[in-house]
């Protein structure tokens, strides 16, 4: 069984993990997205549903926040839109202007982004997005800690797409609560959250996951016996 299959089976995930890779150019035999999505995270939903495709910079421009975190070089119109969205967030008390410079973003030039179900990814992923409930994320974080790549950063919130560059830069697992935009575009359940895992650590984390799942099963018996 592949590491991707083990990850989904051991955690009993109902949503397929998604592989995301940032490349200089599109790989052969991978089609471009059939239509530009309203947000960068819209592509996560399509990949989780079984689609494999790549996006170019133009396909990321409908969401100025996602374009920013992905390192897309934005035309003047999108830069103005980004400034307007940020200003609205600040005026609503949703975001403080002082927080903006600290939002994680990719520093490398954007070529293409490849999205696929992890089980079918045609390229090595830079980051793997796992969607699940709190218990599933607990098990995954414990496995990541056991593998030495557990999240050292606080639980992330808005914007959700910032979890990708954060995980890639730190090479640590990043748990994210998501944000309202992401929940609208992906239709993620209210009781779910994300875990962004650097792709190169998948095998190591999955290698610890079976042990962690079993340990929790046995410890649950111990704790229940004391209730």
C-alpha atoms as a PDB file:
ATOM      1  CA  UNK A   1       0.000   0.000   0.000  1.00  0.00           C
ATOM      2  CA  UNK A   2       1.320   3.435  -0.892  1.00  0.00           C
ATOM      3  CA  UNK A   3       1.981   6.126   1.700  1.00  0.00           C
ATOM      4  CA  UNK A   4      -0.908   8.130   0.262  1.00  0.00           C
ATOM      5  CA  UNK A   5      -3.302   5.216   0.681  1.00  0.00           C
ATOM      6  CA  UNK A   6      -2.035   4.522   4.201  1.00  0.00           C
ATOM      7  CA  UNK A   7      -2.530   8.149   5.189  1.00  0.00           C
ATOM      8  CA  UNK A   8      -6.140   8.141   4.074  1.00  0.00           C
ATOM      9  CA  UNK A   9      -6.902   4.713   5.555  1.00  0.00           C
ATOM     10  CA  UNK A  10      -5.219   5.177   8.938  1.00  0.00           C
ATOM     11  CA  UNK A  11      -6.963   8.498   9.524  1.00  0.00           C
ATOM     12  CA  UNK A  12     -10.256   7.348   7.940  1.00  0.00           C
ATOM     13  CA  UNK A  13     -10.359  10.563   5.932  1.00  0.00           C
ATOM     14  CA  UNK A  14     -13.547  11.283   4.029  1.00  0.00           C
ATOM     15  CA  UNK A  15     -11.821  13.941   1.902  1.00  0.00           C
ATOM     16  CA  UNK A  16      -8.897  12.822  -0.233  1.00  0.00           C
ATOM     17  CA  UNK A  17      -5.572  14.493   0.642  1.00  0.00           C
ATOM     18  CA  UNK A  18      -4.409  16.921  -2.029  1.00  0.00           C
ATOM     19  CA  UNK A  19      -0.907  17.266  -3.492  1.00  0.00           C
ATOM     20  CA  UNK A  20       0.278  20.711  -4.587  1.00  0.00           C
ATOM     21  CA  UNK A  21       3.525  21.345  -6.459  1.00  0.00           C
ATOM     22  CA  UNK A  22       4.964  24.630  -7.697  1.00  0.00           C
ATOM     23  CA  UNK A  23       6.998  24.161 -10.867  1.00  0.00           C
ATOM     24  CA  UNK A  24       8.719  26.345 -13.445  1.00  0.00           C
ATOM     25  CA  UNK A  25       6.638  24.843 -16.254  1.00  0.00           C
ATOM     26  CA  UNK A  26       3.749  22.458 -16.730  1.00  0.00           C
ATOM     27  CA  UNK A  27       4.600  18.732 -16.730  1.00  0.00           C
ATOM     28  CA  UNK A  28       3.837  16.689 -19.815  1.00  0.00           C
ATOM     29  CA  UNK A  29       0.418  15.032 -20.031  1.00  0.00           C
ATOM     30  CA  UNK A  30      -1.110  17.184 -17.293  1.00  0.00           C
ATOM     31  CA  UNK A  31      -3.944  19.423 -18.537  1.00  0.00           C
ATOM     32  CA  UNK A  32      -4.452  23.028 -17.598  1.00  0.00           C
ATOM     33  CA  UNK A  33      -7.421  23.812 -15.346  1.00  0.00           C
ATOM     34  CA  UNK A  34     -10.567  23.818 -17.455  1.00  0.00           C
ATOM     35  CA  UNK A  35     -11.660  27.142 -15.965  1.00  0.00           C
ATOM     36  CA  UNK A  36     -10.177  29.685 -13.598  1.00  0.00           C
ATOM     37  CA  UNK A  37     -11.575  29.356 -10.099  1.00  0.00           C
ATOM     38  CA  UNK A  38     -12.813  32.220  -7.901  1.00  0.00           C
ATOM     39  CA  UNK A  39     -10.019  31.465  -5.432  1.00  0.00           C
ATOM     40  CA  UNK A  40      -6.758  29.573  -5.146  1.00  0.00           C
ATOM     41  CA  UNK A  41      -8.304  27.174  -2.642  1.00  0.00           C
ATOM     42  CA  UNK A  42     -11.068  26.312  -5.117  1.00  0.00           C
ATOM     43  CA  UNK A  43      -8.439  24.172  -6.831  1.00  0.00           C
ATOM     44  CA  UNK A  44      -7.979  22.155  -3.637  1.00  0.00           C
ATOM     45  CA  UNK A  45     -11.631  21.108  -3.810  1.00  0.00           C
ATOM     46  CA  UNK A  46     -11.333  20.086  -7.462  1.00  0.00           C
ATOM     47  CA  UNK A  47      -8.251  17.985  -6.721  1.00  0.00           C
ATOM     48  CA  UNK A  48      -9.877  16.345  -3.695  1.00  0.00           C
ATOM     49  CA  UNK A  49     -12.758  15.369  -5.982  1.00  0.00           C
ATOM     50  CA  UNK A  50     -10.341  13.535  -8.297  1.00  0.00           C
ATOM     51  CA  UNK A  51      -9.103  16.089 -10.835  1.00  0.00           C
ATOM     52  CA  UNK A  52      -5.437  16.461 -11.810  1.00  0.00           C
ATOM     53  CA  UNK A  53      -4.430  19.706 -13.518  1.00  0.00           C
ATOM     54  CA  UNK A  54      -2.128  22.703 -13.439  1.00  0.00           C
ATOM     55  CA  UNK A  55      -2.797  26.415 -13.195  1.00  0.00           C
ATOM     56  CA  UNK A  56      -0.878  29.317 -14.620  1.00  0.00           C
ATOM     57  CA  UNK A  57      -0.498  32.707 -12.960  1.00  0.00           C
ATOM     58  CA  UNK A  58      -3.577  34.053 -14.755  1.00  0.00           C
ATOM     59  CA  UNK A  59      -5.680  31.289 -13.184  1.00  0.00           C
ATOM     60  CA  UNK A  60      -4.782  32.559  -9.704  1.00  0.00           C
ATOM     61  CA  UNK A  61      -5.719  36.211 -10.210  1.00  0.00           C
ATOM     62  CA  UNK A  62      -9.396  35.985  -9.255  1.00  0.00           C
ATOM     63  CA  UNK A  63      -8.317  35.852  -5.607  1.00  0.00           C
ATOM     64  CA  UNK A  64      -5.794  38.596  -4.817  1.00  0.00           C
ATOM     65  CA  UNK A  65      -5.077  37.132  -1.369  1.00  0.00           C
ATOM     66  CA  UNK A  66      -4.282  33.705  -2.826  1.00  0.00           C
ATOM     67  CA  UNK A  67      -2.234  35.271  -5.607  1.00  0.00           C
ATOM     68  CA  UNK A  68      -0.229  37.156  -2.988  1.00  0.00           C
ATOM     69  CA  UNK A  69       0.517  34.107  -0.808  1.00  0.00           C
ATOM     70  CA  UNK A  70       1.392  32.031  -3.895  1.00  0.00           C
ATOM     71  CA  UNK A  71       3.897  34.600  -5.123  1.00  0.00           C
ATOM     72  CA  UNK A  72       2.034  35.494  -8.304  1.00  0.00           C
ATOM     73  CA  UNK A  73       3.210  38.679 -10.009  1.00  0.00           C
ATOM     74  CA  UNK A  74      -0.036  40.654 -10.062  1.00  0.00           C
ATOM     75  CA  UNK A  75      -1.006  43.303 -12.627  1.00  0.00           C
ATOM     76  CA  UNK A  76      -1.953  46.761 -11.364  1.00  0.00           C
ATOM     77  CA  UNK A  77      -5.685  45.965 -11.294  1.00  0.00           C
ATOM     78  CA  UNK A  78      -5.201  42.975  -9.005  1.00  0.00           C
ATOM     79  CA  UNK A  79      -2.768  44.886  -6.802  1.00  0.00           C
ATOM     80  CA  UNK A  80      -5.414  47.557  -6.325  1.00  0.00           C
ATOM     81  CA  UNK A  81      -8.010  44.892  -5.577  1.00  0.00           C
ATOM     82  CA  UNK A  82      -5.683  43.335  -2.997  1.00  0.00           C
ATOM     83  CA  UNK A  83      -5.229  46.698  -1.306  1.00  0.00           C
ATOM     84  CA  UNK A  84      -8.986  47.177  -1.299  1.00  0.00           C
ATOM     85  CA  UNK A  85      -9.654  43.730   0.210  1.00  0.00           C
ATOM     86  CA  UNK A  86      -7.044  44.286   2.906  1.00  0.00           C
ATOM     87  CA  UNK A  87      -8.485  47.744   3.669  1.00  0.00           C
ATOM     88  CA  UNK A  88     -11.960  46.194   4.044  1.00  0.00           C
ATOM     89  CA  UNK A  89     -10.630  43.487   6.365  1.00  0.00           C
ATOM     90  CA  UNK A  90      -8.901  46.116   8.492  1.00  0.00           C
ATOM     91  CA  UNK A  91     -11.989  48.345   8.632  1.00  0.00           C
ATOM     92  CA  UNK A  92     -14.058  45.364   9.810  1.00  0.00           C
ATOM     93  CA  UNK A  93     -11.568  44.554  12.554  1.00  0.00           C
ATOM     94  CA  UNK A  94     -10.883  41.206  10.859  1.00  0.00           C
ATOM     95  CA  UNK A  95      -7.210  42.007  10.319  1.00  0.00           C
ATOM     96  CA  UNK A  96      -4.718  44.491  11.727  1.00  0.00           C
ATOM     97  CA  UNK A  97      -2.551  46.327   9.226  1.00  0.00           C
ATOM     98  CA  UNK A  98       0.504  45.388  11.302  1.00  0.00           C
ATOM     99  CA  UNK A  99      -0.217  41.718  10.580  1.00  0.00           C
ATOM    100  CA  UNK A 100      -0.053  42.063   6.802  1.00  0.00           C
ATOM    101  CA  UNK A 101       3.758  42.012   6.388  1.00  0.00           C
ATOM    102  CA  UNK A 102       3.914  38.803   8.415  1.00  0.00           C
ATOM    103  CA  UNK A 103       1.529  36.815   6.212  1.00  0.00           C
ATOM    104  CA  UNK A 104       3.581  33.919   4.739  1.00  0.00           C
ATOM    105  CA  UNK A 105       4.084  34.007   0.970  1.00  0.00           C
ATOM    106  CA  UNK A 106       6.165  32.242  -1.649  1.00  0.00           C
ATOM    107  CA  UNK A 107       9.278  34.154  -2.612  1.00  0.00           C
ATOM    108  CA  UNK A 108      10.129  32.242  -5.792  1.00  0.00           C
ATOM    109  CA  UNK A 109       8.703  33.284  -9.178  1.00  0.00           C
ATOM    110  CA  UNK A 110       5.378  31.613  -9.943  1.00  0.00           C
ATOM    111  CA  UNK A 111       5.473  29.331 -12.960  1.00  0.00           C
ATOM    112  CA  UNK A 112       2.645  26.825 -12.582  1.00  0.00           C
ATOM    113  CA  UNK A 113       0.924  25.077  -9.694  1.00  0.00           C
ATOM    114  CA  UNK A 114      -0.005  21.421 -10.114  1.00  0.00           C
ATOM    115  CA  UNK A 115      -2.966  20.053  -8.145  1.00  0.00           C
ATOM    116  CA  UNK A 116      -3.913  16.389  -7.819  1.00  0.00           C
ATOM    117  CA  UNK A 117      -5.335  13.809  -5.427  1.00  0.00           C
ATOM    118  CA  UNK A 118      -2.310  12.647  -3.446  1.00  0.00           C
ATOM    119  CA  UNK A 119      -2.842   9.049  -4.590  1.00  0.00           C
ATOM    120  CA  UNK A 120      -2.547  10.112  -8.233  1.00  0.00           C
ATOM    121  CA  UNK A 121      -0.085  12.994  -8.143  1.00  0.00           C
ATOM    122  CA  UNK A 122       2.082  13.026 -11.293  1.00  0.00           C
ATOM    123  CA  UNK A 123       4.884  14.976  -9.590  1.00  0.00           C
ATOM    124  CA  UNK A 124       6.526  15.148  -6.195  1.00  0.00           C
ATOM    125  CA  UNK A 125       4.371  17.504  -4.108  1.00  0.00           C
ATOM    126  CA  UNK A 126       5.794  20.502  -2.316  1.00  0.00           C
ATOM    127  CA  UNK A 127       2.967  20.364   0.187  1.00  0.00           C
ATOM    128  CA  UNK A 128       0.144  17.976   1.015  1.00  0.00           C
ATOM    129  CA  UNK A 129      -3.184  19.315   2.262  1.00  0.00           C
ATOM    130  CA  UNK A 130      -5.102  17.047   4.617  1.00  0.00           C
ATOM    131  CA  UNK A 131      -8.676  17.898   5.614  1.00  0.00           C
ATOM    132  CA  UNK A 132     -10.171  16.321   8.689  1.00  0.00           C
ATOM    133  CA  UNK A 133     -11.739  16.736  12.089  1.00  0.00           C
ATOM    134  CA  UNK A 134      -9.908  17.608  15.295  1.00  0.00           C
ATOM    135  CA  UNK A 135      -9.272  13.980  16.274  1.00  0.00           C
ATOM    136  CA  UNK A 136      -7.804  13.147  12.860  1.00  0.00           C
ATOM    137  CA  UNK A 137      -5.596  16.231  12.956  1.00  0.00           C
ATOM    138  CA  UNK A 138      -4.494  15.311  16.491  1.00  0.00           C
ATOM    139  CA  UNK A 139      -3.274  11.933  15.241  1.00  0.00           C
ATOM    140  CA  UNK A 140      -1.531  13.465  12.243  1.00  0.00           C
ATOM    141  CA  UNK A 141       0.222  16.108  14.343  1.00  0.00           C
ATOM    142  CA  UNK A 142       1.348  13.458  16.837  1.00  0.00           C
ATOM    143  CA  UNK A 143       2.770  11.387  13.973  1.00  0.00           C
ATOM    144  CA  UNK A 144       4.526  14.468  12.584  1.00  0.00           C
ATOM    145  CA  UNK A 145       5.974  15.201  16.015  1.00  0.00           C
ATOM    146  CA  UNK A 146       7.179  11.619  16.282  1.00  0.00           C
ATOM    147  CA  UNK A 147       8.843  11.997  12.870  1.00  0.00           C
ATOM    148  CA  UNK A 148      10.517  15.235  13.954  1.00  0.00           C
ATOM    149  CA  UNK A 149       8.493  17.519  11.690  1.00  0.00           C
ATOM    150  CA  UNK A 150       5.629  18.498  13.965  1.00  0.00           C
ATOM    151  CA  UNK A 151       4.260  21.994  13.862  1.00  0.00           C
ATOM    152  CA  UNK A 152       6.402  24.398  15.822  1.00  0.00           C
ATOM    153  CA  UNK A 153       4.214  27.354  14.898  1.00  0.00           C
ATOM    154  CA  UNK A 154       0.901  28.408  16.476  1.00  0.00           C
ATOM    155  CA  UNK A 155      -2.332  27.153  14.954  1.00  0.00           C
ATOM    156  CA  UNK A 156      -2.889  29.262  11.835  1.00  0.00           C
ATOM    157  CA  UNK A 157      -6.043  31.051  10.796  1.00  0.00           C
ATOM    158  CA  UNK A 158      -6.694  33.513   7.982  1.00  0.00           C
ATOM    159  CA  UNK A 159      -5.771  33.402   5.201  1.00  0.00           C
ATOM    160  CA  UNK A 160      -5.858  29.632   4.810  1.00  0.00           C
ATOM    161  CA  UNK A 161      -3.708  29.662   1.674  1.00  0.00           C
ATOM    162  CA  UNK A 162      -0.807  31.071   3.719  1.00  0.00           C
ATOM    163  CA  UNK A 163      -0.415  27.616   5.280  1.00  0.00           C
ATOM    164  CA  UNK A 164       1.188  26.382   2.040  1.00  0.00           C
ATOM    165  CA  UNK A 165       4.183  28.735   2.002  1.00  0.00           C
ATOM    166  CA  UNK A 166       4.429  28.459   5.794  1.00  0.00           C
ATOM    167  CA  UNK A 167       4.807  24.680   5.585  1.00  0.00           C
ATOM    168  CA  UNK A 168       7.189  24.893   2.632  1.00  0.00           C
ATOM    169  CA  UNK A 169       9.453  27.451   4.310  1.00  0.00           C
ATOM    170  CA  UNK A 170       9.530  25.817   7.732  1.00  0.00           C
ATOM    171  CA  UNK A 171       9.507  22.219   6.455  1.00  0.00           C
ATOM    172  CA  UNK A 172       7.206  21.502   9.387  1.00  0.00           C
ATOM    173  CA  UNK A 173       3.587  20.487   9.536  1.00  0.00           C
ATOM    174  CA  UNK A 174       1.183  23.422   9.813  1.00  0.00           C
ATOM    175  CA  UNK A 175      -2.317  23.122  11.227  1.00  0.00           C
ATOM    176  CA  UNK A 176      -4.837  25.693   9.983  1.00  0.00           C
ATOM    177  CA  UNK A 177      -8.336  26.482  11.152  1.00  0.00           C
ATOM    178  CA  UNK A 178      -9.210  27.742   7.696  1.00  0.00           C
ATOM    179  CA  UNK A 179     -10.948  31.049   7.032  1.00  0.00           C
ATOM    180  CA  UNK A 180     -14.416  32.092   5.955  1.00  0.00           C
ATOM    181  CA  UNK A 181     -13.425  32.553   2.319  1.00  0.00           C
ATOM    182  CA  UNK A 182     -11.901  29.101   2.152  1.00  0.00           C
ATOM    183  CA  UNK A 183     -14.945  27.538   3.791  1.00  0.00           C
ATOM    184  CA  UNK A 184     -17.211  29.166   1.222  1.00  0.00           C
ATOM    185  CA  UNK A 185     -15.106  28.166  -1.798  1.00  0.00           C
ATOM    186  CA  UNK A 186     -14.308  24.609  -0.669  1.00  0.00           C
ATOM    187  CA  UNK A 187     -17.572  23.890   1.187  1.00  0.00           C
ATOM    188  CA  UNK A 188     -15.535  22.446   4.028  1.00  0.00           C
ATOM    189  CA  UNK A 189     -17.595  21.314   7.022  1.00  0.00           C
ATOM    190  CA  UNK A 190     -17.698  23.497  10.113  1.00  0.00           C
ATOM    191  CA  UNK A 191     -16.030  20.789  12.206  1.00  0.00           C
ATOM    192  CA  UNK A 192     -13.059  20.337   9.844  1.00  0.00           C
ATOM    193  CA  UNK A 193      -9.648  21.966   9.641  1.00  0.00           C
ATOM    194  CA  UNK A 194      -6.469  21.573   7.602  1.00  0.00           C
ATOM    195  CA  UNK A 195      -2.997  20.183   8.041  1.00  0.00           C
ATOM    196  CA  UNK A 196      -0.343  21.238   5.540  1.00  0.00           C
ATOM    197  CA  UNK A 197       2.501  18.731   5.413  1.00  0.00           C
ATOM    198  CA  UNK A 198       5.700  19.292   3.412  1.00  0.00           C
ATOM    199  CA  UNK A 199       5.684  16.652   0.692  1.00  0.00           C
ATOM    200  CA  UNK A 200       9.192  15.352   1.335  1.00  0.00           C
ATOM    201  CA  UNK A 201       8.178  14.234   4.833  1.00  0.00           C
ATOM    202  CA  UNK A 202       5.146  12.153   3.840  1.00  0.00           C
ATOM    203  CA  UNK A 203       6.855   8.763   4.103  1.00  0.00           C
ATOM    204  CA  UNK A 204       8.381   9.551   7.492  1.00  0.00           C
ATOM    205  CA  UNK A 205       5.103  10.789   8.952  1.00  0.00           C
ATOM    206  CA  UNK A 206       3.054   7.898   7.585  1.00  0.00           C
ATOM    207  CA  UNK A 207       5.733   5.558   8.921  1.00  0.00           C
ATOM    208  CA  UNK A 208       4.897   6.810  12.421  1.00  0.00           C
ATOM    209  CA  UNK A 209       1.155   7.106  11.919  1.00  0.00           C
ATOM    210  CA  UNK A 210       0.214   3.446  12.400  1.00  0.00           C
ATOM    211  CA  UNK A 211       2.108   3.417  15.692  1.00  0.00           C
ATOM    212  CA  UNK A 212       0.413   6.616  16.824  1.00  0.00           C
ATOM    213  CA  UNK A 213      -3.062   5.379  15.867  1.00  0.00           C
ATOM    214  CA  UNK A 214      -2.499   2.137  17.780  1.00  0.00           C
ATOM    215  CA  UNK A 215      -1.066   3.982  20.781  1.00  0.00           C
ATOM    216  CA  UNK A 216      -4.120   6.240  20.952  1.00  0.00           C
ATOM    217  CA  UNK A 217      -6.428   3.242  20.684  1.00  0.00           C
ATOM    218  CA  UNK A 218      -4.755   1.548  23.650  1.00  0.00           C
ATOM    219  CA  UNK A 219      -4.509   4.745  25.699  1.00  0.00           C
ATOM    220  CA  UNK A 220      -8.186   5.428  25.110  1.00  0.00           C
ATOM    221  CA  UNK A 221      -8.980   2.065  26.736  1.00  0.00           C
ATOM    222  CA  UNK A 222      -6.833   3.021  29.706  1.00  0.00           C
ATOM    223  CA  UNK A 223      -8.473   6.388  30.163  1.00  0.00           C
ATOM    224  CA  UNK A 224     -12.023   5.076  29.691  1.00  0.00           C
ATOM    225  CA  UNK A 225     -11.390   2.423  32.325  1.00  0.00           C
ATOM    226  CA  UNK A 226     -10.677   5.234  34.801  1.00  0.00           C
ATOM    227  CA  UNK A 227     -13.902   7.147  34.171  1.00  0.00           C
END
